[in-house]
C-alpha cells in the first residue's frame, strides 16, 4: 500500500451511474483536477490545496481525504464510504 493511500471513497462521475473508487491521494487529486463533474467551489479549491500540500508530506493524508469528501459533499456529488 502506498504511503499516500487512504480509506476507500466512492464518488459519482460525469458518466450516468458510474461510480469511481478513490483509494489514494494521487487518485483524489486526479479526480479533482481532471474529472470533477460540477463547478469548482471554495471547498474544491481547499481540497486541491490540502492535497498538494499532503503530497509534500507537510499535511496529513487524513486531512486531504476529509477535504476531498467535504468538496464532493458541498458540490452535491454522491459520496460513499465517507465515514470510514
C-alpha atoms as a PDB file:
ATOM      1  CA  UNK A   1       0.000   0.000   0.000  1.00  0.00           C
ATOM      2  CA  UNK A   2       1.270   3.433  -0.932  1.00  0.00           C
ATOM      3  CA  UNK A   3       2.169   5.899   1.806  1.00  0.00           C
ATOM      4  CA  UNK A   4      -0.333   8.215   0.071  1.00  0.00           C
ATOM      5  CA  UNK A   5      -3.165   5.658   0.334  1.00  0.00           C
ATOM      6  CA  UNK A   6      -6.320   6.254   2.338  1.00  0.00           C
ATOM      7  CA  UNK A   7      -9.603   4.521   3.116  1.00  0.00           C
ATOM      8  CA  UNK A   8     -11.754   3.963   0.055  1.00  0.00           C
ATOM      9  CA  UNK A   9     -14.125   6.746  -1.024  1.00  0.00           C
ATOM     10  CA  UNK A  10     -16.647   6.252  -3.828  1.00  0.00           C
ATOM     11  CA  UNK A  11     -17.895   9.223  -5.878  1.00  0.00           C
ATOM     12  CA  UNK A  12     -20.261   9.635  -8.801  1.00  0.00           C
ATOM     13  CA  UNK A  13     -18.614  10.626 -12.096  1.00  0.00           C
ATOM     14  CA  UNK A  14     -19.854  12.548 -15.135  1.00  0.00           C
ATOM     15  CA  UNK A  15     -20.958   9.257 -16.717  1.00  0.00           C
ATOM     16  CA  UNK A  16     -24.508   8.435 -15.553  1.00  0.00           C
ATOM     17  CA  UNK A  17     -24.465   5.730 -12.909  1.00  0.00           C
ATOM     18  CA  UNK A  18     -20.677   5.375 -12.908  1.00  0.00           C
ATOM     19  CA  UNK A  19     -19.019   5.281  -9.503  1.00  0.00           C
ATOM     20  CA  UNK A  20     -15.297   5.991  -9.186  1.00  0.00           C
ATOM     21  CA  UNK A  21     -13.306   4.395  -6.377  1.00  0.00           C
ATOM     22  CA  UNK A  22     -10.703   6.719  -4.869  1.00  0.00           C
ATOM     23  CA  UNK A  23      -8.070   4.917  -2.794  1.00  0.00           C
ATOM     24  CA  UNK A  24      -5.171   7.344  -2.649  1.00  0.00           C
ATOM     25  CA  UNK A  25      -4.183  10.978  -2.599  1.00  0.00           C
ATOM     26  CA  UNK A  26      -2.926  10.912  -6.213  1.00  0.00           C
ATOM     27  CA  UNK A  27      -6.267   9.417  -7.344  1.00  0.00           C
ATOM     28  CA  UNK A  28      -8.191  12.069  -5.407  1.00  0.00           C
ATOM     29  CA  UNK A  29      -6.139  14.871  -6.942  1.00  0.00           C
ATOM     30  CA  UNK A  30      -6.546  13.410 -10.437  1.00  0.00           C
ATOM     31  CA  UNK A  31     -10.307  13.275  -9.930  1.00  0.00           C
ATOM     32  CA  UNK A  32     -10.404  16.812  -8.545  1.00  0.00           C
ATOM     33  CA  UNK A  33      -8.328  18.282 -11.354  1.00  0.00           C
ATOM     34  CA  UNK A  34      -9.336  16.224 -14.405  1.00  0.00           C
ATOM     35  CA  UNK A  35     -12.713  14.644 -13.684  1.00  0.00           C
ATOM     36  CA  UNK A  36     -14.598  16.975 -11.331  1.00  0.00           C
ATOM     37  CA  UNK A  37     -18.189  16.820 -12.662  1.00  0.00           C
ATOM     38  CA  UNK A  38     -19.506  20.174 -11.411  1.00  0.00           C
ATOM     39  CA  UNK A  39     -18.430  23.788 -10.928  1.00  0.00           C
ATOM     40  CA  UNK A  40     -15.364  24.279  -8.779  1.00  0.00           C
ATOM     41  CA  UNK A  41     -16.141  25.830  -5.396  1.00  0.00           C
ATOM     42  CA  UNK A  42     -14.222  27.117  -2.389  1.00  0.00           C
ATOM     43  CA  UNK A  43     -14.299  23.575  -0.977  1.00  0.00           C
ATOM     44  CA  UNK A  44     -12.824  22.246  -4.243  1.00  0.00           C
ATOM     45  CA  UNK A  45     -10.002  24.804  -4.064  1.00  0.00           C
ATOM     46  CA  UNK A  46      -9.313  23.882  -0.434  1.00  0.00           C
ATOM     47  CA  UNK A  47      -9.264  20.154  -1.274  1.00  0.00           C
ATOM     48  CA  UNK A  48      -6.745  20.703  -4.078  1.00  0.00           C
ATOM     49  CA  UNK A  49      -4.502  22.888  -1.888  1.00  0.00           C
ATOM     50  CA  UNK A  50      -4.613  20.467   1.053  1.00  0.00           C
ATOM     51  CA  UNK A  51      -3.976  17.533  -1.284  1.00  0.00           C
ATOM     52  CA  UNK A  52      -0.987  19.179  -2.943  1.00  0.00           C
ATOM     53  CA  UNK A  53       0.412  20.090   0.459  1.00  0.00           C
ATOM     54  CA  UNK A  54      -0.057  16.496   1.656  1.00  0.00           C
ATOM     55  CA  UNK A  55       1.960  15.279  -1.346  1.00  0.00           C
ATOM     56  CA  UNK A  56       4.900  17.176   0.132  1.00  0.00           C
ATOM     57  CA  UNK A  57       4.361  15.432   3.496  1.00  0.00           C
ATOM     58  CA  UNK A  58       3.528  18.670   5.285  1.00  0.00           C
ATOM     59  CA  UNK A  59      -0.130  17.868   5.742  1.00  0.00           C
ATOM     60  CA  UNK A  60      -1.820  14.621   6.663  1.00  0.00           C
ATOM     61  CA  UNK A  61      -3.376  12.229   4.200  1.00  0.00           C
ATOM     62  CA  UNK A  62      -6.399  12.035   6.511  1.00  0.00           C
ATOM     63  CA  UNK A  63      -6.882  15.803   6.213  1.00  0.00           C
ATOM     64  CA  UNK A  64      -6.623  15.549   2.424  1.00  0.00           C
ATOM     65  CA  UNK A  65      -9.206  12.739   2.337  1.00  0.00           C
ATOM     66  CA  UNK A  66     -11.551  14.751   4.563  1.00  0.00           C
ATOM     67  CA  UNK A  67     -11.173  17.825   2.345  1.00  0.00           C
ATOM     68  CA  UNK A  68     -11.892  15.714  -0.762  1.00  0.00           C
ATOM     69  CA  UNK A  69     -15.071  14.348   0.836  1.00  0.00           C
ATOM     70  CA  UNK A  70     -16.145  17.816   2.009  1.00  0.00           C
ATOM     71  CA  UNK A  71     -15.671  19.222  -1.506  1.00  0.00           C
ATOM     72  CA  UNK A  72     -17.723  16.414  -3.038  1.00  0.00           C
ATOM     73  CA  UNK A  73     -20.498  16.810  -0.482  1.00  0.00           C
ATOM     74  CA  UNK A  74     -20.539  20.606  -0.919  1.00  0.00           C
ATOM     75  CA  UNK A  75     -20.930  20.079  -4.672  1.00  0.00           C
ATOM     76  CA  UNK A  76     -23.763  17.564  -4.110  1.00  0.00           C
ATOM     77  CA  UNK A  77     -21.701  14.757  -5.606  1.00  0.00           C
ATOM     78  CA  UNK A  78     -22.735  11.348  -4.336  1.00  0.00           C
ATOM     79  CA  UNK A  79     -20.127  10.096  -1.837  1.00  0.00           C
ATOM     80  CA  UNK A  80     -19.977   6.656  -0.237  1.00  0.00           C
ATOM     81  CA  UNK A  81     -17.616   5.420   2.486  1.00  0.00           C
ATOM     82  CA  UNK A  82     -17.160   8.971   3.740  1.00  0.00           C
ATOM     83  CA  UNK A  83     -17.150   7.829   7.356  1.00  0.00           C
ATOM     84  CA  UNK A  84     -14.520   5.107   7.068  1.00  0.00           C
END
